[in-house]
Protein backbone atom coordinates (compact mmCIF):
# COMPACT_ATOMS: atom_id res chain seq x y z
CA MET A 1 -10.01 18.46 6.62
CA ALA A 2 -7.06 19.74 8.67
CA GLU A 3 -4.61 16.92 7.97
CA THR A 4 -2.73 16.96 4.69
CA LEU A 5 -0.08 14.54 3.49
CA GLU A 6 3.41 15.27 2.29
CA GLY A 7 6.66 13.36 2.04
CA PRO A 8 9.59 12.41 -0.19
CA VAL A 9 9.14 12.16 -3.95
CA LEU A 10 11.14 10.53 -6.74
CA GLU A 11 10.42 11.92 -10.18
CA PRO A 12 10.19 9.69 -13.27
CA ALA A 13 13.57 8.37 -14.37
CA ALA A 14 12.49 8.80 -17.99
CA GLY A 15 11.77 12.48 -17.45
CA GLY A 16 8.66 14.30 -18.56
CA ALA A 17 5.14 13.89 -17.21
CA PRO A 18 4.41 10.78 -15.15
CA GLU A 19 2.88 7.79 -16.91
CA GLN A 20 2.01 6.14 -13.60
CA VAL A 21 1.99 7.01 -9.91
CA VAL A 22 3.28 4.57 -7.29
CA LEU A 23 2.16 5.50 -3.79
CA PHE A 24 4.15 3.96 -0.92
CA LEU A 25 2.37 3.74 2.46
CA HIS A 26 4.69 3.09 5.40
CA GLY A 27 4.20 1.23 8.64
CA VAL A 28 3.49 2.49 12.13
CA GLY A 29 6.29 4.38 13.85
CA ALA A 30 8.14 5.09 10.59
CA ASP A 31 7.59 7.83 8.03
CA GLY A 32 7.71 8.32 4.30
CA ASN A 33 11.49 8.11 4.23
CA ASP A 34 11.23 4.45 5.20
CA LEU A 35 9.89 3.28 1.83
CA ILE A 36 11.08 5.84 -0.70
CA GLY A 37 14.36 3.91 -0.78
CA LEU A 38 12.51 1.18 -2.69
CA ALA A 39 11.68 3.56 -5.53
CA PRO A 40 15.00 3.26 -7.45
CA SER A 41 14.46 -0.49 -7.69
CA PHE A 42 10.90 -0.08 -8.94
CA GLN A 43 12.13 2.58 -11.38
CA LYS A 44 13.92 -0.16 -13.30
CA THR A 45 10.51 -1.60 -14.16
CA LEU A 46 8.57 1.67 -14.31
CA PRO A 47 10.92 4.41 -15.57
CA GLY A 48 7.96 6.65 -16.35
CA ALA A 49 6.44 6.46 -12.86
CA LEU A 50 6.27 9.14 -10.20
CA PHE A 51 6.96 7.72 -6.72
CA LEU A 52 5.41 9.30 -3.64
CA SER A 53 5.93 8.23 -0.05
CA PRO A 54 3.83 10.48 2.20
CA HIS A 55 4.23 10.65 5.95
CA ALA A 56 1.18 9.26 7.76
CA PRO A 57 -1.07 12.01 9.13
CA PHE A 58 -0.69 11.43 12.87
CA PRO A 59 2.30 11.45 15.26
CA PHE A 60 3.31 8.03 16.57
CA ASP A 61 1.80 7.84 20.04
CA LEU A 62 4.15 5.17 21.41
CA GLY A 63 7.45 6.87 20.69
CA PRO A 64 9.22 10.21 20.40
CA THR A 65 9.45 10.12 16.59
CA GLY A 66 7.65 8.61 13.64
CA ARG A 67 4.14 8.75 12.28
CA GLN A 68 1.09 6.51 12.25
CA TRP A 69 -2.04 6.05 10.19
CA PHE A 70 -3.83 5.03 13.37
CA SER A 71 -2.98 4.10 16.95
CA ILE A 72 -2.05 0.55 17.87
CA GLN A 73 -2.54 1.07 21.60
CA ASP A 74 -5.87 -0.72 21.39
CA LEU A 75 -6.01 -3.24 18.54
CA ASN A 76 -9.71 -3.80 19.23
CA ILE A 77 -10.46 -0.45 17.57
CA ARG A 78 -8.15 -0.92 14.57
CA LEU A 79 -11.10 -0.64 12.17
CA ASP A 80 -12.09 2.72 13.64
CA GLY A 81 -8.55 3.95 13.14
CA VAL A 82 -8.44 2.85 9.52
CA ARG A 83 -11.76 4.55 8.86
CA ARG A 84 -10.56 7.81 10.43
CA ALA A 85 -7.45 7.90 8.23
CA ALA A 86 -9.17 6.72 5.03
CA PRO A 87 -10.67 10.11 3.97
CA ILE A 88 -7.25 11.75 4.38
CA LEU A 89 -5.62 9.19 2.11
CA ASP A 90 -8.52 9.32 -0.35
CA ALA A 91 -8.19 13.09 -0.65
CA PHE A 92 -4.44 12.80 -1.24
CA ILE A 93 -5.02 10.24 -4.00
CA ASP A 94 -7.61 12.46 -5.66
CA GLU A 95 -5.35 15.50 -5.50
CA THR A 96 -2.37 13.58 -6.86
CA LEU A 97 -4.21 12.10 -9.82
CA GLU A 98 -5.82 15.43 -10.68
CA ALA A 99 -2.52 17.27 -10.47
CA HIS A 100 -0.96 14.93 -13.03
CA GLY A 101 -3.98 14.39 -15.24
CA LEU A 102 -4.05 10.63 -14.62
CA GLY A 103 -6.89 8.21 -14.02
CA ALA A 104 -7.09 5.79 -11.12
CA ASP A 105 -5.97 2.99 -13.45
CA ARG A 106 -2.53 4.63 -13.49
CA LEU A 107 -2.10 4.41 -9.69
CA ALA A 108 -0.48 1.56 -7.76
CA LEU A 109 -0.79 1.37 -3.97
CA VAL A 110 2.21 -0.26 -2.28
CA GLY A 111 1.93 -0.73 1.47
CA PHE A 112 4.02 -2.14 4.29
CA SER A 113 2.43 -3.36 7.54
CA GLN A 114 -0.03 -0.65 8.60
CA GLY A 115 0.38 0.83 5.14
CA THR A 116 -0.89 -2.44 3.67
CA MET A 117 -3.94 -2.22 5.90
CA MET A 118 -4.62 1.28 4.60
CA SER A 119 -4.00 0.28 0.98
CA LEU A 120 -6.49 -2.58 1.14
CA HIS A 121 -9.12 -0.59 3.00
CA VAL A 122 -9.02 2.48 0.77
CA GLY A 123 -8.17 0.79 -2.53
CA LEU A 124 -11.16 -1.54 -2.43
CA ARG A 125 -13.62 1.20 -1.54
CA ARG A 126 -12.84 3.67 -4.32
CA ALA A 127 -15.42 3.77 -7.11
CA ALA A 128 -12.78 3.96 -9.85
CA PRO A 129 -10.43 0.99 -9.47
CA VAL A 130 -6.76 1.68 -8.87
CA ALA A 131 -4.36 -0.27 -11.08
CA CYS A 132 -3.30 -2.64 -8.31
CA ILE A 133 -2.51 -3.10 -4.63
CA LEU A 134 0.81 -4.56 -3.46
CA GLY A 135 0.98 -5.31 0.25
CA TYR A 136 3.87 -6.46 2.41
CA SER A 137 3.59 -7.86 5.95
CA GLY A 138 0.06 -6.59 6.53
CA MET A 139 -3.51 -7.72 7.01
CA LEU A 140 -7.05 -7.03 5.90
CA VAL A 141 -8.81 -5.00 8.57
CA GLY A 142 -12.51 -5.71 9.12
CA PRO A 143 -12.93 -8.53 6.59
CA GLU A 144 -16.50 -9.01 7.75
CA ARG A 145 -17.33 -5.51 6.44
CA LEU A 146 -15.84 -5.95 2.98
CA ALA A 147 -18.83 -7.51 1.21
CA ALA A 148 -21.04 -4.57 2.17
CA GLU A 149 -18.48 -1.86 1.37
CA ILE A 150 -16.38 -3.04 -1.59
CA ARG A 151 -16.69 -0.85 -4.70
CA SER A 152 -13.82 -2.02 -6.91
CA ARG A 153 -11.71 -5.12 -7.42
CA PRO A 154 -8.17 -4.32 -8.57
CA PRO A 155 -5.56 -7.09 -8.74
CA VAL A 156 -3.81 -7.67 -5.42
CA MET A 157 -0.46 -9.19 -4.46
CA LEU A 158 0.31 -9.93 -0.81
CA VAL A 159 3.77 -10.91 0.46
CA HIS A 160 4.48 -12.00 4.02
CA GLY A 161 7.38 -13.55 5.92
CA ASP A 162 6.56 -16.72 7.84
CA ALA A 163 8.71 -15.57 10.79
CA ASP A 164 6.95 -12.22 11.26
CA PRO A 165 6.79 -11.40 15.00
CA VAL A 166 4.71 -8.23 14.54
CA VAL A 167 1.83 -8.95 12.17
CA PRO A 168 0.96 -12.65 12.47
CA PHE A 169 1.82 -14.72 9.41
CA SER A 170 -1.69 -16.19 9.62
CA SER A 171 -2.96 -12.77 8.52
CA LEU A 172 -1.87 -13.63 4.99
CA ALA A 173 -4.20 -16.62 4.64
CA GLY A 174 -7.05 -14.71 6.28
CA ALA A 175 -6.70 -11.81 3.87
CA VAL A 176 -6.47 -14.04 0.81
CA GLU A 177 -9.56 -15.99 1.85
CA ALA A 178 -11.65 -12.86 2.41
CA LEU A 179 -10.47 -11.11 -0.74
CA GLU A 180 -11.09 -14.12 -2.97
CA ALA A 181 -14.51 -14.60 -1.39
CA ASN A 182 -15.31 -11.07 -2.57
CA GLY A 183 -14.26 -11.72 -6.15
CA LEU A 184 -10.72 -10.36 -6.15
CA ASP A 185 -7.79 -11.81 -8.07
CA VAL A 186 -5.13 -12.32 -5.39
CA ASP A 187 -1.52 -13.45 -5.81
CA SER A 188 0.12 -14.35 -2.48
CA HIS A 189 3.67 -15.29 -1.63
CA VAL A 190 5.38 -16.60 1.50
CA CYS A 191 8.96 -15.56 2.27
CA PRO A 192 10.52 -18.38 4.34
CA GLY A 193 12.41 -17.22 7.42
CA LEU A 194 11.60 -13.55 6.88
CA GLY A 195 10.50 -11.46 9.83
CA HIS A 196 8.66 -8.15 9.67
CA GLY A 197 10.22 -6.66 6.58
CA ILE A 198 10.63 -6.70 2.82
CA GLY A 199 13.19 -9.18 1.51
CA ALA A 200 14.90 -9.39 -1.86
CA ASP A 201 12.43 -11.99 -3.11
CA GLY A 202 9.46 -9.86 -2.10
CA LEU A 203 10.94 -6.83 -3.81
CA ARG A 204 11.53 -8.78 -7.01
CA LEU A 205 8.01 -10.21 -6.97
CA GLY A 206 6.56 -6.77 -6.42
CA MET A 207 8.51 -5.30 -9.32
CA GLU A 208 7.33 -8.10 -11.59
CA PHE A 209 3.73 -7.62 -10.42
CA LEU A 210 3.70 -3.90 -11.17
CA GLY A 211 5.37 -4.60 -14.50
CA ARG A 212 2.62 -7.01 -15.48
CA VAL A 213 -0.11 -4.64 -14.36
CA PHE A 214 1.28 -1.74 -16.36
CA GLY A 215 2.41 -3.81 -19.35
CA ARG A 216 6.12 -3.32 -18.76
CA PRO A 217 8.68 -6.10 -19.42
CA PRO A 218 10.69 -7.38 -16.41
CA ALA A 219 13.69 -5.23 -15.58
């Protein structure tokens, strides 16, 4: 596979070998630098975690800079785009876990927008369950395909602003319904007045969620 992923990294605050890996997946038109700034906050809950924020594999095709997991020029083929990028992300996850001698139960996927779409698609189709999936301002792509393709059921938290002008707020309810119908434990939260972004409440909820998953007390 020609495409490989790379991007900014924040080493464990506690020093030594990582106890967990937190993988940030950014939205369309951004790059890995967009989410790595969240890592110092999450470090307060997970001081032993390694934080990775890879750049998506493809250049953003609607602007001069940025990256994308898949094109948004035709939203009717969104599922095809997710499927094309999925093996690239899967390979990166495998390489990362192997490099640090960790199992999938030590990996948290944290996505924003298109990164949430990728997290849900890939995370639910891996044979060995990841520790959890935390998604902001995203959606579940191809919910009608999930029952036939799901291989694992990690805990999921979804956070969405009710004033999101980019990814419809209704996507939250649709994702929760489909995930729960397929046997997943889903925690969802609405951020009143929030547009397409991650607010202070969402950040706090995400930190608490990862802390619970990994057995860490609240920061």
